[in-house]
Amino acid sequence: MHDVNHSSVSQDVLTQRQTEIDAINGKIVEPGQSLDSPTPINAVLMSRVRAIENNYTAGVTENAENTLRALRPLR
């Protein structure tokens, strides 16, 4: 048996709840912007998670597992 560990953001997406992506990645992106030190990977991740949230809050039904698989290339 393999134990699977999912991040809290992943768990939120799987259950279509509001994530804490702004509190997690926003704490990296915002200071980076103010210091003129871009954090493009974190900014893209925030954007993609927000898009996922917008889809399920807008009533669009997507398979959450496929959505999470789409995010894996960011690792």
C-alpha atoms as a PDB file:
ATOM      1  CA  MET A   1       0.000   0.000   0.000  1.00  0.00           C
ATOM      2  CA  HIS A   2       1.304   3.434  -0.936  1.00  0.00           C
ATOM      3  CA  ASP A   3       0.446   6.399   1.190  1.00  0.00           C
ATOM      4  CA  VAL A   4      -0.331   9.481  -0.841  1.00  0.00           C
ATOM      5  CA  ASN A   5       0.369  12.884   0.586  1.00  0.00           C
ATOM      6  CA  HIS A   6      -1.566  15.816  -0.871  1.00  0.00           C
ATOM      7  CA  SER A   7      -0.809  19.440  -0.118  1.00  0.00           C
ATOM      8  CA  SER A   8      -3.564  21.486   1.495  1.00  0.00           C
ATOM      9  CA  VAL A   9      -4.091  23.359  -1.800  1.00  0.00           C
ATOM     10  CA  SER A  10      -4.453  20.027  -3.594  1.00  0.00           C
ATOM     11  CA  GLN A  11      -6.952  18.830  -0.992  1.00  0.00           C
ATOM     12  CA  ASP A  12      -8.942  22.059  -1.388  1.00  0.00           C
ATOM     13  CA  VAL A  13      -9.033  21.674  -5.180  1.00  0.00           C
ATOM     14  CA  LEU A  14     -10.128  18.047  -4.914  1.00  0.00           C
ATOM     15  CA  THR A  15     -13.069  19.088  -2.723  1.00  0.00           C
ATOM     16  CA  GLN A  16     -13.703  22.332  -4.643  1.00  0.00           C
ATOM     17  CA  ARG A  17     -13.012  24.599  -1.679  1.00  0.00           C
ATOM     18  CA  GLN A  18     -11.388  28.024  -1.671  1.00  0.00           C
ATOM     19  CA  THR A  19      -7.616  27.503  -1.447  1.00  0.00           C
ATOM     20  CA  GLU A  20      -5.079  29.459   0.553  1.00  0.00           C
ATOM     21  CA  ILE A  21      -2.876  30.014  -2.505  1.00  0.00           C
ATOM     22  CA  ASP A  22      -2.764  33.777  -1.919  1.00  0.00           C
ATOM     23  CA  ALA A  23      -1.603  33.320   1.659  1.00  0.00           C
ATOM     24  CA  ILE A  24       1.058  30.798   0.632  1.00  0.00           C
ATOM     25  CA  ASN A  25       2.406  31.941  -2.729  1.00  0.00           C
ATOM     26  CA  GLY A  26       1.284  35.536  -2.306  1.00  0.00           C
ATOM     27  CA  LYS A  27       3.793  35.830   0.527  1.00  0.00           C
ATOM     28  CA  ILE A  28       6.477  35.129  -2.067  1.00  0.00           C
ATOM     29  CA  VAL A  29       5.122  37.004  -5.088  1.00  0.00           C
ATOM     30  CA  GLU A  30       4.214  40.293  -3.375  1.00  0.00           C
ATOM     31  CA  PRO A  31       7.608  40.962  -1.734  1.00  0.00           C
ATOM     32  CA  GLY A  32       9.320  39.909  -4.953  1.00  0.00           C
ATOM     33  CA  GLN A  33       7.347  42.516  -6.882  1.00  0.00           C
ATOM     34  CA  SER A  34       8.095  45.261  -4.368  1.00  0.00           C
ATOM     35  CA  LEU A  35      11.817  44.381  -4.425  1.00  0.00           C
ATOM     36  CA  ASP A  36      11.863  44.227  -8.242  1.00  0.00           C
ATOM     37  CA  SER A  37      12.781  40.551  -7.971  1.00  0.00           C
ATOM     38  CA  PRO A  38      10.227  38.605 -10.026  1.00  0.00           C
ATOM     39  CA  THR A  39       9.040  35.191  -8.918  1.00  0.00           C
ATOM     40  CA  PRO A  40       7.486  33.946 -12.167  1.00  0.00           C
ATOM     41  CA  ILE A  41       6.938  30.315 -11.172  1.00  0.00           C
ATOM     42  CA  ASN A  42       5.062  31.319  -8.041  1.00  0.00           C
ATOM     43  CA  ALA A  43       3.047  33.901  -9.992  1.00  0.00           C
ATOM     44  CA  VAL A  44       2.059  31.318 -12.632  1.00  0.00           C
ATOM     45  CA  LEU A  45       1.122  28.811  -9.945  1.00  0.00           C
ATOM     46  CA  MET A  46      -1.120  31.391  -8.255  1.00  0.00           C
ATOM     47  CA  SER A  47      -2.723  32.218 -11.580  1.00  0.00           C
ATOM     48  CA  ARG A  48      -3.402  28.574 -12.440  1.00  0.00           C
ATOM     49  CA  VAL A  49      -4.867  27.748  -9.031  1.00  0.00           C
ATOM     50  CA  ARG A  50      -7.101  30.834  -9.190  1.00  0.00           C
ATOM     51  CA  ALA A  51      -8.294  29.715 -12.637  1.00  0.00           C
ATOM     52  CA  ILE A  52      -9.159  26.307 -11.201  1.00  0.00           C
ATOM     53  CA  GLU A  53     -11.063  27.958  -8.342  1.00  0.00           C
ATOM     54  CA  ASN A  54     -12.933  30.187 -10.787  1.00  0.00           C
ATOM     55  CA  ASN A  55     -13.972  27.137 -12.778  1.00  0.00           C
ATOM     56  CA  TYR A  56     -15.498  25.292  -9.878  1.00  0.00           C
ATOM     57  CA  THR A  57     -17.076  28.358  -8.291  1.00  0.00           C
ATOM     58  CA  ALA A  58     -18.593  29.243 -11.666  1.00  0.00           C
ATOM     59  CA  GLY A  59     -20.252  25.834 -11.739  1.00  0.00           C
ATOM     60  CA  VAL A  60     -17.949  24.292 -14.341  1.00  0.00           C
ATOM     61  CA  THR A  61     -17.531  20.625 -13.497  1.00  0.00           C
ATOM     62  CA  GLU A  62     -14.051  19.295 -14.166  1.00  0.00           C
ATOM     63  CA  ASN A  63     -12.305  16.237 -12.985  1.00  0.00           C
ATOM     64  CA  ALA A  64     -10.128  17.548 -10.147  1.00  0.00           C
ATOM     65  CA  GLU A  65      -7.596  14.755 -10.586  1.00  0.00           C
ATOM     66  CA  ASN A  66      -6.975  15.784 -14.214  1.00  0.00           C
ATOM     67  CA  THR A  67      -6.658  19.393 -13.140  1.00  0.00           C
ATOM     68  CA  LEU A  68      -4.050  18.492 -10.548  1.00  0.00           C
ATOM     69  CA  ARG A  69      -2.159  16.392 -13.102  1.00  0.00           C
ATOM     70  CA  ALA A  70      -1.995  19.482 -15.299  1.00  0.00           C
ATOM     71  CA  LEU A  71      -0.217  21.334 -12.495  1.00  0.00           C
ATOM     72  CA  ARG A  72       2.440  18.650 -11.980  1.00  0.00           C
ATOM     73  CA  PRO A  73       4.729  19.939 -14.761  1.00  0.00           C
ATOM     74  CA  LEU A  74       5.347  22.999 -12.574  1.00  0.00           C
ATOM     75  CA  ARG A  75       7.344  20.893 -10.125  1.00  0.00           C
END
